[in-house]
mmCIF file of all heavy atoms, coordinates in Angstrom:
data_MODEL
# 
_entry.id   MODEL 
# 
loop_
_atom_site.group_PDB 
_atom_site.id 
_atom_site.type_symbol 
_atom_site.label_atom_id 
_atom_site.label_alt_id 
_atom_site.label_comp_id 
_atom_site.label_asym_id 
_atom_site.label_entity_id 
_atom_site.label_seq_id 
_atom_site.pdbx_PDB_ins_code 
_atom_site.Cartn_x 
_atom_site.Cartn_y 
_atom_site.Cartn_z 
_atom_site.occupancy 
_atom_site.B_iso_or_equiv 
_atom_site.pdbx_formal_charge 
_atom_site.auth_seq_id 
_atom_site.auth_comp_id 
_atom_site.auth_asym_id 
_atom_site.auth_atom_id 
_atom_site.pdbx_PDB_model_num 
ATOM 1   N N   . MET A 1 1  ? -8.099  -0.241  -3.310 1.00 0.00 ? 1  MET A N   1 
ATOM 2   C CA  . MET A 1 1  ? -7.556  0.944   -2.800 1.00 0.00 ? 1  MET A CA  1 
ATOM 3   C C   . MET A 1 1  ? -6.352  0.622   -1.801 1.00 0.00 ? 1  MET A C   1 
ATOM 4   O O   . MET A 1 1  ? -6.455  -0.377  -1.078 1.00 0.00 ? 1  MET A O   1 
ATOM 5   C CB  . MET A 1 1  ? -8.601  1.817   -2.021 1.00 0.00 ? 1  MET A CB  1 
ATOM 6   C CG  . MET A 1 1  ? -9.820  2.112   -2.854 1.00 0.00 ? 1  MET A CG  1 
ATOM 7   S SD  . MET A 1 1  ? -10.908 3.254   -2.038 1.00 0.00 ? 1  MET A SD  1 
ATOM 8   C CE  . MET A 1 1  ? -9.985  4.803   -2.130 1.00 0.00 ? 1  MET A CE  1 
ATOM 9   N N   . GLY A 1 2  ? -5.296  1.481   -1.975 1.00 0.00 ? 2  GLY A N   1 
ATOM 10  C CA  . GLY A 1 2  ? -4.239  1.058   -1.014 1.00 0.00 ? 2  GLY A CA  1 
ATOM 11  C C   . GLY A 1 2  ? -3.425  2.396   -0.650 1.00 0.00 ? 2  GLY A C   1 
ATOM 12  O O   . GLY A 1 2  ? -3.539  3.552   -1.174 1.00 0.00 ? 2  GLY A O   1 
ATOM 13  N N   . TRP A 1 3  ? -2.608  2.175   0.336  1.00 0.00 ? 3  TRP A N   1 
ATOM 14  C CA  . TRP A 1 3  ? -1.698  3.167   0.796  1.00 0.00 ? 3  TRP A CA  1 
ATOM 15  C C   . TRP A 1 3  ? -0.250  2.682   0.541  1.00 0.00 ? 3  TRP A C   1 
ATOM 16  O O   . TRP A 1 3  ? 0.029   1.538   0.829  1.00 0.00 ? 3  TRP A O   1 
ATOM 17  C CB  . TRP A 1 3  ? -1.883  3.437   2.369  1.00 0.00 ? 3  TRP A CB  1 
ATOM 18  C CG  . TRP A 1 3  ? -3.026  4.179   2.681  1.00 0.00 ? 3  TRP A CG  1 
ATOM 19  C CD1 . TRP A 1 3  ? -4.112  3.841   3.200  1.00 0.00 ? 3  TRP A CD1 1 
ATOM 20  C CD2 . TRP A 1 3  ? -3.127  5.779   2.719  1.00 0.00 ? 3  TRP A CD2 1 
ATOM 21  N NE1 . TRP A 1 3  ? -5.067  4.773   3.335  1.00 0.00 ? 3  TRP A NE1 1 
ATOM 22  C CE2 . TRP A 1 3  ? -4.460  6.009   3.128  1.00 0.00 ? 3  TRP A CE2 1 
ATOM 23  C CE3 . TRP A 1 3  ? -2.268  6.715   2.285  1.00 0.00 ? 3  TRP A CE3 1 
ATOM 24  C CZ2 . TRP A 1 3  ? -4.911  7.362   3.173  1.00 0.00 ? 3  TRP A CZ2 1 
ATOM 25  C CZ3 . TRP A 1 3  ? -2.713  8.066   2.420  1.00 0.00 ? 3  TRP A CZ3 1 
ATOM 26  C CH2 . TRP A 1 3  ? -4.044  8.275   2.852  1.00 0.00 ? 3  TRP A CH2 1 
ATOM 27  N N   . TYR A 1 4  ? 0.531   3.526   -0.024 1.00 0.00 ? 4  TYR A N   1 
ATOM 28  C CA  . TYR A 1 4  ? 1.967   3.294   -0.405 1.00 0.00 ? 4  TYR A CA  1 
ATOM 29  C C   . TYR A 1 4  ? 2.732   4.375   0.272  1.00 0.00 ? 4  TYR A C   1 
ATOM 30  O O   . TYR A 1 4  ? 2.217   5.440   0.620  1.00 0.00 ? 4  TYR A O   1 
ATOM 31  C CB  . TYR A 1 4  ? 2.078   3.307   -1.936 1.00 0.00 ? 4  TYR A CB  1 
ATOM 32  C CG  . TYR A 1 4  ? 1.459   2.257   -2.737 1.00 0.00 ? 4  TYR A CG  1 
ATOM 33  C CD1 . TYR A 1 4  ? -0.009  2.336   -2.898 1.00 0.00 ? 4  TYR A CD1 1 
ATOM 34  C CD2 . TYR A 1 4  ? 2.158   1.183   -3.288 1.00 0.00 ? 4  TYR A CD2 1 
ATOM 35  C CE1 . TYR A 1 4  ? -0.648  1.274   -3.555 1.00 0.00 ? 4  TYR A CE1 1 
ATOM 36  C CE2 . TYR A 1 4  ? 1.528   0.259   -4.002 1.00 0.00 ? 4  TYR A CE2 1 
ATOM 37  C CZ  . TYR A 1 4  ? 0.143   0.270   -4.121 1.00 0.00 ? 4  TYR A CZ  1 
ATOM 38  O OH  . TYR A 1 4  ? -0.546  -0.724  -4.869 1.00 0.00 ? 4  TYR A OH  1 
ATOM 39  N N   . ARG A 1 5  ? 3.975   4.045   0.447  1.00 0.00 ? 5  ARG A N   1 
ATOM 40  C CA  . ARG A 1 5  ? 4.979   5.046   0.932  1.00 0.00 ? 5  ARG A CA  1 
ATOM 41  C C   . ARG A 1 5  ? 6.287   4.936   0.203  1.00 0.00 ? 5  ARG A C   1 
ATOM 42  O O   . ARG A 1 5  ? 6.622   3.948   -0.327 1.00 0.00 ? 5  ARG A O   1 
ATOM 43  C CB  . ARG A 1 5  ? 5.125   4.930   2.405  1.00 0.00 ? 5  ARG A CB  1 
ATOM 44  C CG  . ARG A 1 5  ? 5.816   3.643   2.884  1.00 0.00 ? 5  ARG A CG  1 
ATOM 45  C CD  . ARG A 1 5  ? 5.840   3.565   4.478  1.00 0.00 ? 5  ARG A CD  1 
ATOM 46  N NE  . ARG A 1 5  ? 6.645   2.340   4.829  1.00 0.00 ? 5  ARG A NE  1 
ATOM 47  C CZ  . ARG A 1 5  ? 6.619   1.958   6.067  1.00 0.00 ? 5  ARG A CZ  1 
ATOM 48  N NH1 . ARG A 1 5  ? 5.834   2.544   7.008  1.00 0.00 ? 5  ARG A NH1 1 
ATOM 49  N NH2 . ARG A 1 5  ? 7.267   0.755   6.390  1.00 0.00 ? 5  ARG A NH2 1 
ATOM 50  N N   . GLN A 1 6  ? 6.896   6.073   0.297  1.00 0.00 ? 6  GLN A N   1 
ATOM 51  C CA  . GLN A 1 6  ? 8.235   6.151   -0.356 1.00 0.00 ? 6  GLN A CA  1 
ATOM 52  C C   . GLN A 1 6  ? 9.202   7.040   0.474  1.00 0.00 ? 6  GLN A C   1 
ATOM 53  O O   . GLN A 1 6  ? 8.810   8.219   0.693  1.00 0.00 ? 6  GLN A O   1 
ATOM 54  C CB  . GLN A 1 6  ? 8.216   6.794   -1.781 1.00 0.00 ? 6  GLN A CB  1 
ATOM 55  C CG  . GLN A 1 6  ? 9.423   6.717   -2.596 1.00 0.00 ? 6  GLN A CG  1 
ATOM 56  C CD  . GLN A 1 6  ? 9.259   6.901   -4.123 1.00 0.00 ? 6  GLN A CD  1 
ATOM 57  O OE1 . GLN A 1 6  ? 8.237   7.472   -4.480 1.00 0.00 ? 6  GLN A OE1 1 
ATOM 58  N NE2 . GLN A 1 6  ? 10.237  6.447   -4.825 1.00 0.00 ? 6  GLN A NE2 1 
ATOM 59  N N   . ALA A 1 7  ? 10.174  6.462   0.945  1.00 0.00 ? 7  ALA A N   1 
ATOM 60  C CA  . ALA A 1 7  ? 11.187  7.183   1.762  1.00 0.00 ? 7  ALA A CA  1 
ATOM 61  C C   . ALA A 1 7  ? 12.288  7.497   0.789  1.00 0.00 ? 7  ALA A C   1 
ATOM 62  O O   . ALA A 1 7  ? 12.479  6.914   -0.248 1.00 0.00 ? 7  ALA A O   1 
ATOM 63  C CB  . ALA A 1 7  ? 11.757  6.218   2.872  1.00 0.00 ? 7  ALA A CB  1 
ATOM 64  N N   . PRO A 1 8  ? 13.189  8.579   1.287  1.00 0.00 ? 8  PRO A N   1 
ATOM 65  C CA  . PRO A 1 8  ? 14.134  8.934   0.393  1.00 0.00 ? 8  PRO A CA  1 
ATOM 66  C C   . PRO A 1 8  ? 15.147  7.883   0.009  1.00 0.00 ? 8  PRO A C   1 
ATOM 67  O O   . PRO A 1 8  ? 15.609  7.086   0.830  1.00 0.00 ? 8  PRO A O   1 
ATOM 68  C CB  . PRO A 1 8  ? 14.909  10.096  1.170  1.00 0.00 ? 8  PRO A CB  1 
ATOM 69  C CG  . PRO A 1 8  ? 13.789  10.489  2.168  1.00 0.00 ? 8  PRO A CG  1 
ATOM 70  C CD  . PRO A 1 8  ? 12.928  9.354   2.482  1.00 0.00 ? 8  PRO A CD  1 
ATOM 71  N N   . GLY A 1 9  ? 15.365  7.740   -1.206 1.00 0.00 ? 9  GLY A N   1 
ATOM 72  C CA  . GLY A 1 9  ? 16.387  6.652   -1.783 1.00 0.00 ? 9  GLY A CA  1 
ATOM 73  C C   . GLY A 1 9  ? 15.839  5.401   -1.817 1.00 0.00 ? 9  GLY A C   1 
ATOM 74  O O   . GLY A 1 9  ? 16.549  4.372   -2.160 1.00 0.00 ? 9  GLY A O   1 
ATOM 75  N N   . LYS A 1 10 ? 14.507  5.232   -1.458 1.00 0.00 ? 10 LYS A N   1 
ATOM 76  C CA  . LYS A 1 10 ? 13.836  3.881   -1.409 1.00 0.00 ? 10 LYS A CA  1 
ATOM 77  C C   . LYS A 1 10 ? 12.755  3.817   -2.604 1.00 0.00 ? 10 LYS A C   1 
ATOM 78  O O   . LYS A 1 10 ? 12.216  4.774   -3.084 1.00 0.00 ? 10 LYS A O   1 
ATOM 79  C CB  . LYS A 1 10 ? 13.271  3.631   -0.145 1.00 0.00 ? 10 LYS A CB  1 
ATOM 80  C CG  . LYS A 1 10 ? 14.202  3.695   1.055  1.00 0.00 ? 10 LYS A CG  1 
ATOM 81  C CD  . LYS A 1 10 ? 15.195  2.617   1.031  1.00 0.00 ? 10 LYS A CD  1 
ATOM 82  C CE  . LYS A 1 10 ? 16.091  2.703   2.322  1.00 0.00 ? 10 LYS A CE  1 
ATOM 83  N NZ  . LYS A 1 10 ? 17.134  1.547   2.295  1.00 0.00 ? 10 LYS A NZ  1 
ATOM 84  N N   . GLU A 1 11 ? 12.401  2.450   -2.813 1.00 0.00 ? 11 GLU A N   1 
ATOM 85  C CA  . GLU A 1 11 ? 11.390  2.270   -3.782 1.00 0.00 ? 11 GLU A CA  1 
ATOM 86  C C   . GLU A 1 11 ? 10.031  2.522   -3.110 1.00 0.00 ? 11 GLU A C   1 
ATOM 87  O O   . GLU A 1 11 ? 9.885   2.309   -1.907 1.00 0.00 ? 11 GLU A O   1 
ATOM 88  C CB  . GLU A 1 11 ? 11.466  0.771   -4.244 1.00 0.00 ? 11 GLU A CB  1 
ATOM 89  C CG  . GLU A 1 11 ? 12.636  0.484   -5.085 1.00 0.00 ? 11 GLU A CG  1 
ATOM 90  C CD  . GLU A 1 11 ? 12.605  1.047   -6.553 1.00 0.00 ? 11 GLU A CD  1 
ATOM 91  O OE1 . GLU A 1 11 ? 11.614  1.430   -6.978 1.00 0.00 ? 11 GLU A OE1 1 
ATOM 92  O OE2 . GLU A 1 11 ? 13.733  1.006   -7.151 1.00 0.00 ? 11 GLU A OE2 1 
ATOM 93  N N   . ARG A 1 12 ? 9.096   2.889   -3.880 1.00 0.00 ? 12 ARG A N   1 
ATOM 94  C CA  . ARG A 1 12 ? 7.763   3.056   -3.282 1.00 0.00 ? 12 ARG A CA  1 
ATOM 95  C C   . ARG A 1 12 ? 7.179   1.629   -3.025 1.00 0.00 ? 12 ARG A C   1 
ATOM 96  O O   . ARG A 1 12 ? 7.252   0.726   -3.832 1.00 0.00 ? 12 ARG A O   1 
ATOM 97  C CB  . ARG A 1 12 ? 6.810   3.720   -4.391 1.00 0.00 ? 12 ARG A CB  1 
ATOM 98  C CG  . ARG A 1 12 ? 5.416   4.049   -3.838 1.00 0.00 ? 12 ARG A CG  1 
ATOM 99  C CD  . ARG A 1 12 ? 4.585   4.860   -4.794 1.00 0.00 ? 12 ARG A CD  1 
ATOM 100 N NE  . ARG A 1 12 ? 5.260   6.267   -4.957 1.00 0.00 ? 12 ARG A NE  1 
ATOM 101 C CZ  . ARG A 1 12 ? 4.663   7.182   -5.756 1.00 0.00 ? 12 ARG A CZ  1 
ATOM 102 N NH1 . ARG A 1 12 ? 3.479   7.003   -6.227 1.00 0.00 ? 12 ARG A NH1 1 
ATOM 103 N NH2 . ARG A 1 12 ? 5.269   8.286   -5.842 1.00 0.00 ? 12 ARG A NH2 1 
ATOM 104 N N   . GLU A 1 13 ? 6.662   1.454   -1.820 1.00 0.00 ? 13 GLU A N   1 
ATOM 105 C CA  . GLU A 1 13 ? 6.120   0.175   -1.414 1.00 0.00 ? 13 GLU A CA  1 
ATOM 106 C C   . GLU A 1 13 ? 4.789   0.220   -0.941 1.00 0.00 ? 13 GLU A C   1 
ATOM 107 O O   . GLU A 1 13 ? 4.199   1.331   -0.408 1.00 0.00 ? 13 GLU A O   1 
ATOM 108 C CB  . GLU A 1 13 ? 6.977   -0.360  -0.259 1.00 0.00 ? 13 GLU A CB  1 
ATOM 109 C CG  . GLU A 1 13 ? 7.003   0.509   0.945  1.00 0.00 ? 13 GLU A CG  1 
ATOM 110 C CD  . GLU A 1 13 ? 7.721   -0.124  2.179  1.00 0.00 ? 13 GLU A CD  1 
ATOM 111 O OE1 . GLU A 1 13 ? 8.141   -1.341  2.046  1.00 0.00 ? 13 GLU A OE1 1 
ATOM 112 O OE2 . GLU A 1 13 ? 8.094   0.536   3.188  1.00 0.00 ? 13 GLU A OE2 1 
ATOM 113 N N   . LEU A 1 14 ? 4.008   -0.825  -1.103 1.00 0.00 ? 14 LEU A N   1 
ATOM 114 C CA  . LEU A 1 14 ? 2.746   -1.061  -0.644 1.00 0.00 ? 14 LEU A CA  1 
ATOM 115 C C   . LEU A 1 14 ? 2.727   -1.191  0.812  1.00 0.00 ? 14 LEU A C   1 
ATOM 116 O O   . LEU A 1 14 ? 3.368   -2.043  1.410  1.00 0.00 ? 14 LEU A O   1 
ATOM 117 C CB  . LEU A 1 14 ? 2.030   -2.220  -1.232 1.00 0.00 ? 14 LEU A CB  1 
ATOM 118 C CG  . LEU A 1 14 ? 0.661   -2.494  -0.769 1.00 0.00 ? 14 LEU A CG  1 
ATOM 119 C CD1 . LEU A 1 14 ? -0.365  -1.433  -1.100 1.00 0.00 ? 14 LEU A CD1 1 
ATOM 120 C CD2 . LEU A 1 14 ? 0.124   -3.865  -1.323 1.00 0.00 ? 14 LEU A CD2 1 
ATOM 121 N N   . VAL A 1 15 ? 1.965   -0.274  1.638  1.00 0.00 ? 15 VAL A N   1 
ATOM 122 C CA  . VAL A 1 15 ? 1.857   -0.447  3.005  1.00 0.00 ? 15 VAL A CA  1 
ATOM 123 C C   . VAL A 1 15 ? 0.628   -1.218  3.439  1.00 0.00 ? 15 VAL A C   1 
ATOM 124 O O   . VAL A 1 15 ? 0.721   -2.116  4.346  1.00 0.00 ? 15 VAL A O   1 
ATOM 125 C CB  . VAL A 1 15 ? 1.777   0.989   3.602  1.00 0.00 ? 15 VAL A CB  1 
ATOM 126 C CG1 . VAL A 1 15 ? 1.551   0.823   5.120  1.00 0.00 ? 15 VAL A CG1 1 
ATOM 127 C CG2 . VAL A 1 15 ? 3.001   1.737   3.385  1.00 0.00 ? 15 VAL A CG2 1 
ATOM 128 N N   . ALA A 1 16 ? -0.570  -0.951  2.746  1.00 0.00 ? 16 ALA A N   1 
ATOM 129 C CA  . ALA A 1 16 ? -1.821  -1.580  3.130  1.00 0.00 ? 16 ALA A CA  1 
ATOM 130 C C   . ALA A 1 16 ? -2.672  -1.449  1.990  1.00 0.00 ? 16 ALA A C   1 
ATOM 131 O O   . ALA A 1 16 ? -2.688  -0.463  1.359  1.00 0.00 ? 16 ALA A O   1 
ATOM 132 C CB  . ALA A 1 16 ? -2.384  -0.925  4.330  1.00 0.00 ? 16 ALA A CB  1 
ATOM 133 N N   . GLY A 1 17 ? -3.513  -2.519  1.734  1.00 0.00 ? 17 GLY A N   1 
ATOM 134 C CA  . GLY A 1 17 ? -4.481  -2.444  0.628  1.00 0.00 ? 17 GLY A CA  1 
ATOM 135 C C   . GLY A 1 17 ? -5.797  -3.005  1.114  1.00 0.00 ? 17 GLY A C   1 
ATOM 136 O O   . GLY A 1 17 ? -5.849  -3.807  2.054  1.00 0.00 ? 17 GLY A O   1 
ATOM 137 N N   . ILE A 1 18 ? -6.931  -2.615  0.528  1.00 0.00 ? 18 ILE A N   1 
ATOM 138 C CA  . ILE A 1 18 ? -8.196  -3.079  0.780  1.00 0.00 ? 18 ILE A CA  1 
ATOM 139 C C   . ILE A 1 18 ? -8.941  -3.321  -0.564 1.00 0.00 ? 18 ILE A C   1 
ATOM 140 O O   . ILE A 1 18 ? -8.874  -2.368  -1.406 1.00 0.00 ? 18 ILE A O   1 
ATOM 141 C CB  . ILE A 1 18 ? -8.924  -2.233  1.746  1.00 0.00 ? 18 ILE A CB  1 
ATOM 142 C CG1 . ILE A 1 18 ? -10.234 -2.867  2.120  1.00 0.00 ? 18 ILE A CG1 1 
ATOM 143 C CG2 . ILE A 1 18 ? -9.186  -0.848  1.260  1.00 0.00 ? 18 ILE A CG2 1 
ATOM 144 C CD1 . ILE A 1 18 ? -10.904 -2.211  3.411  1.00 0.00 ? 18 ILE A CD1 1 
ATOM 145 N N   . THR A 1 19 ? -9.551  -4.444  -0.782 1.00 0.00 ? 19 THR A N   1 
ATOM 146 C CA  . THR A 1 19 ? -10.384 -4.605  -1.997 1.00 0.00 ? 19 THR A CA  1 
ATOM 147 C C   . THR A 1 19 ? -11.804 -4.251  -1.739 1.00 0.00 ? 19 THR A C   1 
ATOM 148 O O   . THR A 1 19 ? -12.303 -3.992  -0.694 1.00 0.00 ? 19 THR A O   1 
ATOM 149 C CB  . THR A 1 19 ? -10.208 -6.090  -2.463 1.00 0.00 ? 19 THR A CB  1 
ATOM 150 O OG1 . THR A 1 19 ? -10.957 -6.903  -1.518 1.00 0.00 ? 19 THR A OG1 1 
ATOM 151 C CG2 . THR A 1 19 ? -8.745  -6.578  -2.488 1.00 0.00 ? 19 THR A CG2 1 
ATOM 152 N N   . SER A 1 20 ? -12.574 -4.390  -2.881 1.00 0.00 ? 20 SER A N   1 
ATOM 153 C CA  . SER A 1 20 ? -13.888 -4.080  -2.806 1.00 0.00 ? 20 SER A CA  1 
ATOM 154 C C   . SER A 1 20 ? -14.755 -5.132  -2.007 1.00 0.00 ? 20 SER A C   1 
ATOM 155 O O   . SER A 1 20 ? -15.827 -4.959  -1.643 1.00 0.00 ? 20 SER A O   1 
ATOM 156 C CB  . SER A 1 20 ? -14.504 -3.914  -4.153 1.00 0.00 ? 20 SER A CB  1 
ATOM 157 O OG  . SER A 1 20 ? -14.310 -5.127  -4.938 1.00 0.00 ? 20 SER A OG  1 
ATOM 158 N N   . PHE A 1 21 ? -14.007 -6.265  -1.865 1.00 0.00 ? 21 PHE A N   1 
ATOM 159 C CA  . PHE A 1 21 ? -14.614 -7.396  -1.059 1.00 0.00 ? 21 PHE A CA  1 
ATOM 160 C C   . PHE A 1 21 ? -14.387 -7.173  0.437  1.00 0.00 ? 21 PHE A C   1 
ATOM 161 O O   . PHE A 1 21 ? -14.819 -7.906  1.251  1.00 0.00 ? 21 PHE A O   1 
ATOM 162 C CB  . PHE A 1 21 ? -14.089 -8.757  -1.451 1.00 0.00 ? 21 PHE A CB  1 
ATOM 163 C CG  . PHE A 1 21 ? -14.472 -9.065  -2.866 1.00 0.00 ? 21 PHE A CG  1 
ATOM 164 C CD1 . PHE A 1 21 ? -13.487 -8.911  -3.899 1.00 0.00 ? 21 PHE A CD1 1 
ATOM 165 C CD2 . PHE A 1 21 ? -15.723 -9.440  -3.232 1.00 0.00 ? 21 PHE A CD2 1 
ATOM 166 C CE1 . PHE A 1 21 ? -13.854 -9.291  -5.246 1.00 0.00 ? 21 PHE A CE1 1 
ATOM 167 C CE2 . PHE A 1 21 ? -16.029 -9.802  -4.524 1.00 0.00 ? 21 PHE A CE2 1 
ATOM 168 C CZ  . PHE A 1 21 ? -15.089 -9.656  -5.488 1.00 0.00 ? 21 PHE A CZ  1 
ATOM 169 N N   . GLY A 1 22 ? -13.490 -6.131  0.863  1.00 0.00 ? 22 GLY A N   1 
ATOM 170 C CA  . GLY A 1 22 ? -13.165 -5.953  2.224  1.00 0.00 ? 22 GLY A CA  1 
ATOM 171 C C   . GLY A 1 22 ? -11.971 -6.730  2.703  1.00 0.00 ? 22 GLY A C   1 
ATOM 172 O O   . GLY A 1 22 ? -11.599 -6.677  3.868  1.00 0.00 ? 22 GLY A O   1 
ATOM 173 N N   . ILE A 1 23 ? -11.211 -7.313  1.785  1.00 0.00 ? 23 ILE A N   1 
ATOM 174 C CA  . ILE A 1 23 ? -10.100 -8.007  2.082  1.00 0.00 ? 23 ILE A CA  1 
ATOM 175 C C   . ILE A 1 23 ? -8.925  -7.089  2.239  1.00 0.00 ? 23 ILE A C   1 
ATOM 176 O O   . ILE A 1 23 ? -8.662  -6.353  1.323  1.00 0.00 ? 23 ILE A O   1 
ATOM 177 C CB  . ILE A 1 23 ? -9.687  -9.117  1.092  1.00 0.00 ? 23 ILE A CB  1 
ATOM 178 C CG1 . ILE A 1 23 ? -10.849 -10.067 0.839  1.00 0.00 ? 23 ILE A CG1 1 
ATOM 179 C CG2 . ILE A 1 23 ? -8.518  -9.888  1.429  1.00 0.00 ? 23 ILE A CG2 1 
ATOM 180 C CD1 . ILE A 1 23 ? -11.283 -10.842 2.121  1.00 0.00 ? 23 ILE A CD1 1 
ATOM 181 N N   . THR A 1 24 ? -8.218  -7.192  3.313  1.00 0.00 ? 24 THR A N   1 
ATOM 182 C CA  . THR A 1 24 ? -7.109  -6.288  3.595  1.00 0.00 ? 24 THR A CA  1 
ATOM 183 C C   . THR A 1 24 ? -5.769  -7.160  3.511  1.00 0.00 ? 24 THR A C   1 
ATOM 184 O O   . THR A 1 24 ? -5.647  -8.234  3.862  1.00 0.00 ? 24 THR A O   1 
ATOM 185 C CB  . THR A 1 24 ? -7.234  -5.559  4.934  1.00 0.00 ? 24 THR A CB  1 
ATOM 186 O OG1 . THR A 1 24 ? -7.326  -6.640  5.986  1.00 0.00 ? 24 THR A OG1 1 
ATOM 187 C CG2 . THR A 1 24 ? -8.436  -4.718  5.039  1.00 0.00 ? 24 THR A CG2 1 
ATOM 188 N N   . ASN A 1 25 ? -4.651  -6.305  3.254  1.00 0.00 ? 25 ASN A N   1 
ATOM 189 C CA  . ASN A 1 25 ? -3.351  -6.869  3.424  1.00 0.00 ? 25 ASN A CA  1 
ATOM 190 C C   . ASN A 1 25 ? -2.431  -5.764  3.713  1.00 0.00 ? 25 ASN A C   1 
ATOM 191 O O   . ASN A 1 25 ? -2.741  -4.538  3.502  1.00 0.00 ? 25 ASN A O   1 
ATOM 192 C CB  . ASN A 1 25 ? -2.859  -7.426  1.938  1.00 0.00 ? 25 ASN A CB  1 
ATOM 193 C CG  . ASN A 1 25 ? -2.772  -6.491  0.915  1.00 0.00 ? 25 ASN A CG  1 
ATOM 194 O OD1 . ASN A 1 25 ? -3.685  -5.951  0.435  1.00 0.00 ? 25 ASN A OD1 1 
ATOM 195 N ND2 . ASN A 1 25 ? -1.479  -6.272  0.402  1.00 0.00 ? 25 ASN A ND2 1 
# 
C-alpha cells in the first residue's frame, strides 16, 4: 500500500509505501 502524489505538470511519484511485512519506504 502506498501514497503517491501528483503536482500540476509533474509525474505522479511515490511518496511513501508500506508492505505486508511492515517495511516502509
